[in-house]
Structures are given as structure tokens and as C-alpha cells.
Amino acid sequence: MASNPWLWFAVVAEVTTVSACLTPVPAAGQVAKASLKPTAPRRLADGHPDLEGTYDLATLTPLERPRGAKAVLTPEEAAALEKAAAGRRDKANEAISGDRSAPPKGGDGSSGPAGGVGGYNYFWLDPGSRYNVVGGEIRSSIVVDPPDGRVPPYQSAARERLASLRARPTSDAQESRDPGLEPPGSYDDPERRPLGERCLLGFGSTSGPPALPDYFYNNLHQIVQTPEAIMILTEMVHDARIVRIGDEHLPKTIRRWMGDSVGHWEGDTLVVDTTNFNDQTRFRGSTKNLHVVERFSRVDDKTLLYRFTIEDPDTWDRPWTGEYTWPATDQPIYEYACHEANYALGDILRGARTREAEAAARTSK
């Protein structure tokens, strides 16, 4: 499926709306319980648990808990929220009148670079339809530590750094932003655009680490396992991570977009340690000193438990942790032909040149 510069905003609106529906209550005493203890897993010939399979990461559970919301939803609360989300999807999927009038010049005034003129039909989107369940609990956020379910605040130095790096391409940046709001030079050449917009790496950290839902589409991840290495294939932009088992990290001079991942087994849990990130991906504004530890455990024949801890003292004042389950699926992974018949990036740059020419013409009058 081709990349589209306007899609991200429709999905952000959906996730934000669903999250806002969570009823605020006092947060005290509502911290999620410890992770579910996995059952005895099936094993491969080398004796380690078999983690292989294809998993669907789509979920309505947001990364961060809405402020004041409960950590765990009741079945009735989750059902009501899921029904409301389904209603919005049905509404968005309604047929569009062929004889409708054109939008006003400049769009209808709604937010986003599309100016309210629309993007893909909602048929193509798959942001999730259910809340994630961990240990029998219906979670209202993926983040479980800090106990409020929120990513820790940025360090003051990190806030200053981020302010100066807004035009740098990052893996989790939105596909497109209004040229009038970005710093000068953001549209000077393709290399200044976000990696996801250039079809080089999945946006929203869908490829990881940490591997997060993108609340968009192409939600599948496949694990292929051998005694020496584990491959994690992401459907979005067909990113593939290779985890070397029992190896040492590469020299610090070797930096990668998805970092350098090495793994080891702690009992029946696969622990993946990732360092050596470069300075282009910058997960949520982190530095190349980002350190991610992931834990994969088999809960049952159809479910993995995925837990991750993020650490970067140059970005956040403390480490933070999230977890959610990965349900297995028998759906096939499709090729992400991001640049096949895709004229978006060229049109974005040509649009920037047109805007510059129009501004120069106005100045010369």
C-alpha cells in the first residue's frame, strides 16, 4: 500500500477520540498488576520456547493512559468504548456522494496539512477494534511504569534539543506536516523528510525497538527463530530486525536505524538488549544513547507477552516500561509496496517550490 501524507492525521484523531472517552477517576490504587506469568510453552529442538508465528499488534489501547483514567477497564467499560469506536468507523466508511460540492479554497479550516479535504477512504485503515488484555486485565495504556501510565517528562536539556531538531527526519515523525509550520529548509530535498514518508522505515516505532502499534494499518509482525538468531519482520515498510543470540554488541562506532540487537534466554523468556542507535531515528526525541530491553514470553499457544524498558538519561529523568500482548493470527503478511506508483514525495517537494515561488512573487511587487 502506498504511503499517503494525510493518513496519519485521521488515525491520530481516532486514537485521541477513543482515549478521551476513558472516564477519569482517582489514580490511586489503580496501578496495573504484575505481568502475567507464562504457561509452559511448546519448545523447539534446542529446548528453548517456540516464539515463531505471525502476530497482529492492532489495538485500541494507547501508549499512554489518559490523565486521571483507571489503569484497568471493566469489561463493560471496554465494551462501551469498543462499540463507540466501531460506530465511528462505520460512519467513516459510509459512501461519499459523487455530486458533493468541492471543499472551499484552502480546505474547510480543520487541522492538518490536508486542510480538511480528506485522504484514503477509511476502508483502508485498521487502527484496531479491541483493548489489549494482559493477565486477564483490560489495560487502558501500554505504559505500566511510571504507575500513572505516562511517559516521564523530558529533561530540560532534551526539550531544548528537540526544539532545535524539529526539521530533522525521524522514524516516528508524522508522514507530513504543514510547510507553513515547519522550519525553513524542511522541504529543500528528500533527505529532510521523515524516514516513514520516504518509505525507508516504518513510522510510529512500528518496527521498533520498542515495537509499538501504529494505530494505522499493516499491523502484522512475524517471528522466525533459529538457535543463533531471531528475525522479527514488520509488515509496515517490510522492516526486518535480526537479533543475534548470545553475541556481543557491535563497536560503538557502528550505528543503525533500529540499533544493534543481541539476545539471550532467561529461563523461558527471550531478553533482547538493543544499543548503537544512530542519530536519525530518535525514538520520541531520544538520543543515540537510547537503550532498549525487550522481553518476549509465550503466554499460550496463541499469545506472546511483550514487555520493554526504555532508558536514555539524556532524554528522560528515569527509565520507563510498557507491556502488551501479541495475539497470533493466520492472516498473511502483504508486501508494503510503498513507492509503487507513489507520486506523493515528488508532489510534496514540487508544492514547496510552488509556495516559495508564490511568496517570492508577492515580495517583488
Protein backbone atom coordinates (compact mmCIF):
# COMPACT_ATOMS: atom_id res chain seq x y z
CA MET A 1 0.00 0.00 0.00
CA ALA A 2 1.39 3.36 -0.98
CA SER A 3 2.35 5.97 1.56
CA ASN A 4 -0.09 8.88 1.86
CA PRO A 5 0.82 12.17 3.54
CA TRP A 6 -2.64 12.75 5.01
CA LEU A 7 -3.50 9.38 6.53
CA TRP A 8 -1.71 9.83 9.81
CA PHE A 9 -3.99 12.62 10.94
CA ALA A 10 -7.19 10.64 10.55
CA VAL A 11 -5.79 7.86 12.70
CA VAL A 12 -4.42 10.22 15.34
CA ALA A 13 -7.89 11.72 15.59
CA GLU A 14 -9.43 8.27 16.03
CA VAL A 15 -6.98 7.21 18.75
CA THR A 16 -7.28 10.53 20.54
CA THR A 17 -11.07 10.41 20.49
CA VAL A 18 -11.17 6.86 21.84
CA SER A 19 -8.65 7.67 24.56
CA ALA A 20 -10.60 10.73 25.62
CA CYS A 21 -13.66 8.55 26.24
CA LEU A 22 -11.99 6.88 29.24
CA THR A 23 -13.78 8.06 32.38
CA PRO A 24 -11.38 9.99 34.65
CA VAL A 25 -11.17 8.63 38.19
CA PRO A 26 -8.64 8.97 41.03
CA ALA A 27 -5.46 7.19 40.01
CA ALA A 28 -4.51 5.95 43.47
CA GLY A 29 -4.62 2.18 43.89
CA GLN A 30 -5.24 1.56 40.22
CA VAL A 31 -1.76 0.60 39.04
CA ALA A 32 -1.79 -2.48 36.84
CA LYS A 33 -0.77 -5.75 38.43
CA ALA A 34 2.43 -7.61 37.62
CA SER A 35 2.77 -9.24 34.22
CA LEU A 36 1.01 -12.50 33.52
CA LYS A 37 3.23 -15.48 34.25
CA PRO A 38 3.54 -17.50 31.05
CA THR A 39 2.40 -21.11 30.93
CA ALA A 40 4.66 -23.98 29.88
CA PRO A 41 5.42 -23.23 26.22
CA ARG A 42 5.95 -25.52 23.28
CA ARG A 43 9.66 -25.91 22.52
CA LEU A 44 11.96 -26.18 19.55
CA ALA A 45 14.66 -28.81 19.11
CA ASP A 46 17.20 -26.69 21.02
CA GLY A 47 14.96 -26.71 24.10
CA HIS A 48 14.01 -23.03 24.01
CA PRO A 49 10.38 -21.89 23.78
CA ASP A 50 8.95 -21.61 20.28
CA LEU A 51 8.11 -17.94 19.65
CA GLU A 52 7.55 -18.36 15.93
CA GLY A 53 4.39 -17.12 14.33
CA THR A 54 2.60 -14.10 12.88
CA TYR A 55 1.08 -11.63 15.33
CA ASP A 56 -1.45 -8.82 14.95
CA LEU A 57 -0.48 -5.77 17.06
CA ALA A 58 -3.60 -3.71 16.29
CA THR A 59 -5.23 -2.40 19.48
CA LEU A 60 -7.30 0.48 20.81
CA THR A 61 -5.08 0.62 23.91
CA PRO A 62 -2.98 3.80 23.60
CA LEU A 63 0.67 4.01 24.58
CA GLU A 64 -0.09 6.49 27.38
CA ARG A 65 -3.02 6.43 29.78
CA PRO A 66 -5.37 9.41 29.57
CA ARG A 67 -4.74 11.58 32.61
CA GLY A 68 -6.76 10.52 35.62
CA ALA A 69 -8.07 7.35 33.96
CA LYS A 70 -8.04 3.92 35.54
CA ALA A 71 -5.22 1.51 34.74
CA VAL A 72 -7.67 -1.35 34.20
CA LEU A 73 -11.05 -1.16 32.46
CA THR A 74 -14.06 -3.24 33.39
CA PRO A 75 -15.49 -5.45 30.64
CA GLU A 76 -18.49 -3.12 30.46
CA GLU A 77 -16.31 -0.01 30.07
CA ALA A 78 -14.18 -1.65 27.40
CA ALA A 79 -17.26 -2.90 25.52
CA ALA A 80 -18.76 0.60 25.51
CA LEU A 81 -15.55 2.16 24.21
CA GLU A 82 -15.13 -0.53 21.55
CA LYS A 83 -18.74 -0.05 20.44
CA ALA A 84 -18.21 3.70 20.17
CA ALA A 85 -15.05 3.17 18.10
CA ALA A 86 -16.91 0.75 15.81
CA GLY A 87 -19.65 3.34 15.33
CA ARG A 88 -17.13 5.96 14.28
CA ARG A 89 -15.55 3.51 11.84
CA ASP A 90 -18.95 2.67 10.36
CA LYS A 91 -19.68 6.37 9.96
CA ALA A 92 -16.31 7.00 8.30
CA ASN A 93 -16.94 4.08 5.93
CA GLU A 94 -20.19 5.48 4.60
CA ALA A 95 -20.29 6.09 0.85
CA ILE A 96 -19.27 9.57 -0.26
CA SER A 97 -21.71 11.39 -2.50
CA GLY A 98 -20.44 11.75 -6.04
CA ASP A 99 -22.25 15.06 -6.55
CA ARG A 100 -20.99 16.69 -3.36
CA SER A 101 -19.66 20.24 -3.67
CA ALA A 102 -15.94 20.93 -3.68
CA PRO A 103 -14.29 21.97 -0.41
CA PRO A 104 -13.61 25.68 -0.01
CA LYS A 105 -10.30 27.07 -1.21
CA GLY A 106 -7.65 26.23 1.37
CA GLY A 107 -9.78 23.49 2.94
CA ASP A 108 -12.54 23.62 5.49
CA GLY A 109 -10.40 25.04 8.28
CA SER A 110 -9.81 21.78 10.12
CA SER A 111 -6.32 20.95 11.38
CA GLY A 112 -3.66 19.10 9.39
CA PRO A 113 -1.85 19.74 6.11
CA ALA A 114 -4.75 18.32 4.08
CA GLY A 115 -6.84 21.30 5.15
CA GLY A 116 -9.84 19.07 5.70
CA VAL A 117 -10.03 17.81 2.10
CA GLY A 118 -9.57 14.16 3.09
CA GLY A 119 -7.29 11.22 2.39
CA TYR A 120 -7.87 7.48 1.96
CA ASN A 121 -11.32 6.08 2.49
CA TYR A 122 -11.45 4.60 5.98
CA PHE A 123 -11.83 1.15 4.41
CA TRP A 124 -8.05 1.04 4.06
CA LEU A 125 -7.30 1.79 7.71
CA ASP A 126 -7.05 -0.74 10.52
CA PRO A 127 -6.31 1.09 13.80
CA GLY A 128 -7.61 -1.75 15.97
CA SER A 129 -11.01 -2.65 17.39
CA ARG A 130 -10.29 -4.09 20.85
CA TYR A 131 -8.46 -3.10 24.01
CA ASN A 132 -5.42 -5.17 24.93
CA VAL A 133 -5.68 -7.78 27.68
CA VAL A 134 -2.71 -8.70 29.91
CA GLY A 135 -3.12 -11.26 32.66
CA GLY A 136 -6.88 -11.04 32.42
CA GLU A 137 -6.81 -7.25 32.82
CA ILE A 138 -8.15 -4.92 30.11
CA ARG A 139 -5.44 -2.28 30.02
CA SER A 140 -6.07 1.42 29.37
CA SER A 141 -2.41 2.04 28.42
CA ILE A 142 0.66 0.17 27.25
CA VAL A 143 2.91 2.09 29.67
CA VAL A 144 2.80 0.46 33.12
CA ASP A 145 5.73 2.21 34.79
CA PRO A 146 5.59 5.03 35.89
CA PRO A 147 2.41 3.92 37.68
CA ASP A 148 0.38 6.75 36.14
CA GLY A 149 0.82 5.12 32.72
CA ARG A 150 2.53 8.18 31.27
CA VAL A 151 5.92 8.56 29.59
CA PRO A 152 8.18 10.51 32.00
CA PRO A 153 8.72 14.21 31.30
CA TYR A 154 11.65 15.28 29.15
CA GLN A 155 14.79 16.62 30.76
CA SER A 156 15.18 20.38 30.29
CA ALA A 157 18.20 19.79 28.04
CA ALA A 158 16.13 17.36 25.97
CA ARG A 159 13.40 19.94 25.47
CA GLU A 160 15.95 22.42 24.18
CA ARG A 161 17.47 19.79 21.91
CA LEU A 162 14.09 18.85 20.49
CA ALA A 163 13.24 22.46 19.76
CA SER A 164 16.31 22.70 17.54
CA LEU A 165 15.72 19.38 15.78
CA ARG A 166 12.13 19.73 14.64
CA ALA A 167 13.10 19.66 10.96
CA ARG A 168 15.23 16.52 11.26
CA PRO A 169 13.76 13.32 9.77
CA THR A 170 12.83 10.75 12.40
CA SER A 171 11.30 7.27 12.25
CA ASP A 172 8.28 8.14 14.37
CA ALA A 173 7.56 11.54 12.84
CA GLN A 174 4.25 12.11 11.13
CA GLU A 175 4.26 11.47 7.41
CA SER A 176 3.71 15.12 6.59
CA ARG A 177 3.23 18.45 8.32
CA ASP A 178 2.15 21.84 7.14
CA PRO A 179 5.04 23.50 5.26
CA GLY A 180 3.98 26.79 6.79
CA LEU A 181 4.67 25.44 10.30
CA GLU A 182 7.99 23.72 9.73
CA PRO A 183 11.36 25.49 9.92
CA PRO A 184 12.85 26.86 6.68
CA GLY A 185 14.62 24.20 4.65
CA SER A 186 12.42 21.30 5.75
CA TYR A 187 11.28 20.76 2.15
CA ASP A 188 14.57 21.57 0.40
CA ASP A 189 15.30 17.97 -0.57
CA PRO A 190 14.01 14.42 0.05
CA GLU A 191 16.57 13.76 2.78
CA ARG A 192 14.92 16.35 5.01
CA ARG A 193 11.60 14.50 5.09
CA PRO A 194 10.76 11.86 7.75
CA LEU A 195 12.01 8.34 7.13
CA GLY A 196 8.45 6.96 7.02
CA GLU A 197 7.46 9.50 4.40
CA ARG A 198 10.43 8.36 2.33
CA CYS A 199 9.40 4.69 2.74
CA LEU A 200 12.68 3.87 4.46
CA LEU A 201 11.43 2.89 7.92
CA GLY A 202 8.01 2.43 9.45
CA PHE A 203 6.76 5.46 11.37
CA GLY A 204 5.47 5.40 14.92
CA SER A 205 8.14 2.87 16.04
CA THR A 206 6.14 0.06 14.47
CA SER A 207 9.42 -1.70 13.61
CA GLY A 208 10.96 -0.96 16.99
CA PRO A 209 12.63 -1.25 19.20
CA PRO A 210 10.39 -0.89 21.05
CA ALA A 211 7.84 -2.42 18.68
CA LEU A 212 4.63 -0.43 19.14
CA PRO A 213 1.21 -0.45 17.47
CA ASP A 214 0.97 2.20 14.75
CA TYR A 215 -2.83 2.63 15.11
CA PHE A 216 -2.94 2.83 11.34
CA TYR A 217 -2.67 -0.27 9.15
CA ASN A 218 -0.22 -3.09 8.27
CA ASN A 219 -0.18 -4.30 11.87
CA LEU A 220 1.36 -7.74 11.41
CA HIS A 221 4.74 -8.90 12.76
CA GLN A 222 6.34 -12.27 12.04
CA ILE A 223 8.95 -14.03 14.18
CA VAL A 224 11.30 -16.60 12.63
CA GLN A 225 13.54 -18.38 15.14
CA THR A 226 16.79 -20.34 14.97
CA PRO A 227 19.25 -21.21 17.76
CA GLU A 228 21.67 -18.50 16.57
CA ALA A 229 19.33 -15.67 15.54
CA ILE A 230 15.75 -14.46 15.61
CA MET A 231 14.21 -12.38 12.84
CA ILE A 232 11.29 -10.01 13.51
CA LEU A 233 9.62 -8.90 10.27
CA THR A 234 7.28 -5.90 10.36
CA GLU A 235 4.59 -5.66 7.69
CA MET A 236 4.79 -1.85 7.64
CA VAL A 237 7.61 -0.93 5.20
CA HIS A 238 8.81 -4.58 5.48
CA ASP A 239 11.38 -3.70 8.16
CA ALA A 240 13.35 -6.71 9.43
CA ARG A 241 15.29 -6.86 12.69
CA ILE A 242 17.90 -9.54 13.29
CA VAL A 243 18.56 -10.47 16.93
CA ARG A 244 21.85 -12.31 17.39
CA ILE A 245 21.63 -14.84 20.22
CA GLY A 246 24.49 -14.97 22.73
CA ASP A 247 26.60 -12.42 20.86
CA GLU A 248 28.35 -9.20 21.90
CA HIS A 249 27.26 -5.74 20.77
CA LEU A 250 28.97 -4.19 17.77
CA PRO A 251 31.57 -1.47 18.37
CA LYS A 252 30.05 1.88 19.33
CA THR A 253 31.29 3.31 16.03
CA ILE A 254 28.72 1.19 14.15
CA ARG A 255 25.28 2.79 14.41
CA ARG A 256 21.99 1.56 12.93
CA TRP A 257 18.46 2.92 12.46
CA MET A 258 16.99 0.09 14.54
CA GLY A 259 20.05 -0.26 16.73
CA ASP A 260 22.12 -3.38 17.37
CA SER A 261 20.08 -6.16 19.00
CA VAL A 262 21.58 -9.11 20.86
CA GLY A 263 19.55 -11.65 22.79
CA HIS A 264 19.82 -14.27 25.49
CA TRP A 265 17.43 -16.56 27.30
CA GLU A 266 16.45 -16.10 30.92
CA GLY A 267 14.53 -19.29 31.57
CA ASP A 268 11.68 -19.29 29.08
CA THR A 269 11.91 -15.56 28.37
CA LEU A 270 13.84 -14.14 25.42
CA VAL A 271 15.62 -10.95 26.51
CA VAL A 272 16.74 -8.62 23.72
CA ASP A 273 19.19 -5.80 24.51
CA THR A 274 19.47 -3.04 21.90
CA THR A 275 22.03 -0.22 21.75
CA ASN A 276 24.04 1.52 18.99
CA PHE A 277 21.21 3.61 17.55
CA ASN A 278 22.08 6.33 15.08
CA ASP A 279 21.07 10.00 15.35
CA GLN A 280 18.29 9.81 12.71
CA THR A 281 15.56 7.66 14.23
CA ARG A 282 15.40 9.41 17.63
CA PHE A 283 12.54 7.43 19.20
CA ARG A 284 10.25 10.03 20.82
CA GLY A 285 13.11 12.51 20.76
CA SER A 286 15.76 10.24 22.31
CA THR A 287 19.49 10.41 21.58
CA LYS A 288 21.76 7.82 20.02
CA ASN A 289 22.44 6.63 23.59
CA LEU A 290 18.94 5.11 23.76
CA HIS A 291 18.95 1.70 25.46
CA VAL A 292 16.00 -0.68 24.98
CA VAL A 293 15.50 -4.01 26.75
CA GLU A 294 12.69 -6.22 25.43
CA ARG A 295 11.24 -9.42 26.89
CA PHE A 296 9.29 -11.96 24.85
CA SER A 297 7.39 -14.73 26.65
CA ARG A 298 4.82 -17.20 25.42
CA VAL A 299 1.59 -16.92 27.39
CA ASP A 300 -0.21 -19.69 25.47
CA ASP A 301 -0.25 -21.22 22.01
CA LYS A 302 -1.92 -18.11 20.56
CA THR A 303 -0.35 -15.27 22.55
CA LEU A 304 3.01 -13.65 23.32
CA LEU A 305 3.63 -11.21 26.15
CA TYR A 306 5.87 -8.34 25.02
CA ARG A 307 7.47 -6.11 27.67
CA PHE A 308 10.01 -3.35 27.09
CA THR A 309 12.01 -0.88 29.16
CA ILE A 310 13.32 2.40 27.72
CA GLU A 311 16.32 4.23 29.12
CA ASP A 312 18.07 7.40 27.95
CA PRO A 313 19.27 9.67 30.77
CA ASP A 314 19.86 12.43 28.21
CA THR A 315 16.14 12.46 27.37
CA TRP A 316 14.05 11.27 30.34
CA ASP A 317 14.78 11.57 34.06
CA ARG A 318 14.02 7.89 34.64
CA PRO A 319 13.54 4.64 32.70
CA TRP A 320 10.00 3.69 31.70
CA THR A 321 8.31 0.39 30.89
CA GLY A 322 5.41 -0.84 28.82
CA GLU A 323 3.83 -4.18 28.03
CA TYR A 324 1.06 -5.64 25.91
CA THR A 325 0.12 -8.98 24.40
CA TRP A 326 0.68 -10.02 20.81
CA PRO A 327 -2.21 -12.22 19.59
CA ALA A 328 -1.40 -14.73 16.87
CA THR A 329 -3.12 -14.52 13.50
CA ASP A 330 -3.37 -16.69 10.42
CA GLN A 331 -3.65 -13.65 8.13
CA PRO A 332 -0.89 -13.28 5.51
CA ILE A 333 1.68 -10.51 5.53
CA TYR A 334 1.41 -8.42 2.38
CA GLU A 335 4.24 -6.66 0.59
CA TYR A 336 4.43 -3.00 1.55
CA ALA A 337 4.99 -1.53 -1.91
CA CYS A 338 5.42 1.95 -0.53
CA HIS A 339 6.81 3.66 -3.63
CA GLU A 340 4.92 1.73 -6.30
CA ALA A 341 3.04 4.34 -8.36
CA ASN A 342 3.56 6.77 -5.49
CA TYR A 343 3.98 10.36 -6.56
CA ALA A 344 3.42 11.87 -3.10
CA LEU A 345 7.01 12.74 -2.19
CA GLY A 346 7.71 14.41 -5.54
CA ASP A 347 4.44 16.30 -5.31
CA ILE A 348 5.27 17.44 -1.77
CA LEU A 349 8.58 18.91 -2.93
CA ARG A 350 7.04 20.46 -6.05
CA GLY A 351 4.35 22.00 -3.85
CA ALA A 352 7.05 23.54 -1.67
CA ARG A 353 8.74 25.03 -4.75
CA THR A 354 5.40 26.47 -5.87
CA ARG A 355 4.79 28.02 -2.48
CA GLU A 356 8.28 29.54 -2.49
CA ALA A 357 7.72 31.00 -5.98
CA GLU A 358 4.39 32.49 -4.94
CA ALA A 359 5.98 34.06 -1.83
CA ALA A 360 8.82 35.49 -3.93
CA ALA A 361 6.32 36.95 -6.39
CA ARG A 362 4.41 38.66 -3.62
CA THR A 363 7.64 40.08 -2.16
CA SER A 364 8.78 41.52 -5.52
CA LYS A 365 5.56 43.51 -6.03
